[in-house]
Protein backbone atom coordinates (compact mmCIF):
# COMPACT_ATOMS: atom_id res chain seq x y z
CA MET A 1 155.78 127.24 103.38
CA SER A 2 154.77 123.70 102.51
CA GLU A 3 151.21 122.54 102.23
CA ILE A 4 149.86 120.45 105.09
CA THR A 5 148.78 116.98 104.02
CA ASP A 6 146.44 114.60 105.78
CA PRO A 7 148.30 111.39 106.65
CA MET A 8 145.04 109.48 107.07
CA HIS A 9 144.62 108.79 103.35
CA GLY A 10 147.90 106.93 103.05
CA ILE A 11 147.40 105.12 106.34
CA ARG A 12 143.86 104.11 105.36
CA GLU A 13 145.05 102.60 102.06
CA GLU A 14 147.82 100.74 103.85
CA CYS A 15 145.40 99.34 106.42
CA LYS A 16 142.73 98.42 103.87
CA ASN A 17 145.13 96.61 101.58
CA LYS A 18 147.64 95.17 104.06
CA ASP A 19 146.17 94.66 107.52
CA CYS A 20 142.59 93.88 106.45
CA ILE A 21 143.33 91.51 103.58
CA PHE A 22 140.91 88.82 104.83
CA GLN A 23 137.99 91.28 104.93
CA LYS A 24 138.98 92.60 101.48
CA GLN A 25 138.97 89.07 100.07
CA GLU A 26 135.54 88.38 101.59
CA TYR A 27 134.22 91.62 100.07
CA ASP A 28 135.72 90.84 96.65
CA GLN A 29 134.18 87.35 96.70
CA CYS A 30 130.80 88.86 97.50
CA VAL A 31 131.14 91.35 94.64
CA SER A 32 131.90 88.44 92.27
CA ARG A 33 128.82 86.53 93.44
CA ILE A 34 126.59 89.58 93.12
CA THR A 35 127.96 90.34 89.64
CA GLU A 36 127.09 86.80 88.51
CA LYS A 37 123.62 86.75 90.10
CA LYS A 38 122.77 90.34 89.09
CA PHE A 39 121.00 91.01 92.42
CA GLY A 40 121.79 91.65 96.07
CA ASP A 41 124.45 93.75 97.71
CA CYS A 42 127.68 93.44 99.66
CA GLU A 43 127.01 96.19 102.16
CA ALA A 44 127.74 94.03 105.23
CA TRP A 45 131.07 92.81 103.81
CA PHE A 46 132.03 96.35 102.83
CA PHE A 47 131.35 97.64 106.33
CA ASP A 48 133.34 94.76 107.86
CA TRP A 49 136.29 95.77 105.67
CA ILE A 50 136.00 99.47 106.55
CA LYS A 51 135.54 98.72 110.26
CA CYS A 52 138.75 96.68 110.21
CA ALA A 53 140.55 99.55 108.50
CA ASP A 54 139.23 102.06 111.04
CA LYS A 55 140.51 99.95 113.93
CA CYS A 56 143.89 99.78 112.24
CA ILE A 57 143.97 103.51 111.45
CA ALA A 58 143.20 104.86 114.94
CA PRO A 59 146.50 104.17 116.72
CA LYS A 60 148.56 105.00 113.63
CA ILE A 61 146.88 108.33 112.92
CA PHE A 62 147.32 109.56 116.49
CA SER A 63 151.02 108.73 116.44
CA ALA A 64 151.38 110.48 113.05
CA THR A 65 149.81 113.78 114.14
CA LYS A 66 151.69 116.53 115.89
CA GLU A 67 150.43 118.76 118.64
């Protein structure tokens, strides 16, 4: 019997790095600014990136699951 794997992890990575590239770039630019300034955070940019990924994941995960 094979082990059941969660398809969400692969789908999430695909969405984060492929479909949400603009949000990832905005987040990375924020991280660079914060690293230079040594203060602040990029929480809002991070959540924008994750929210984009979640919207991308939803229809894909439901089509990947079996009843």
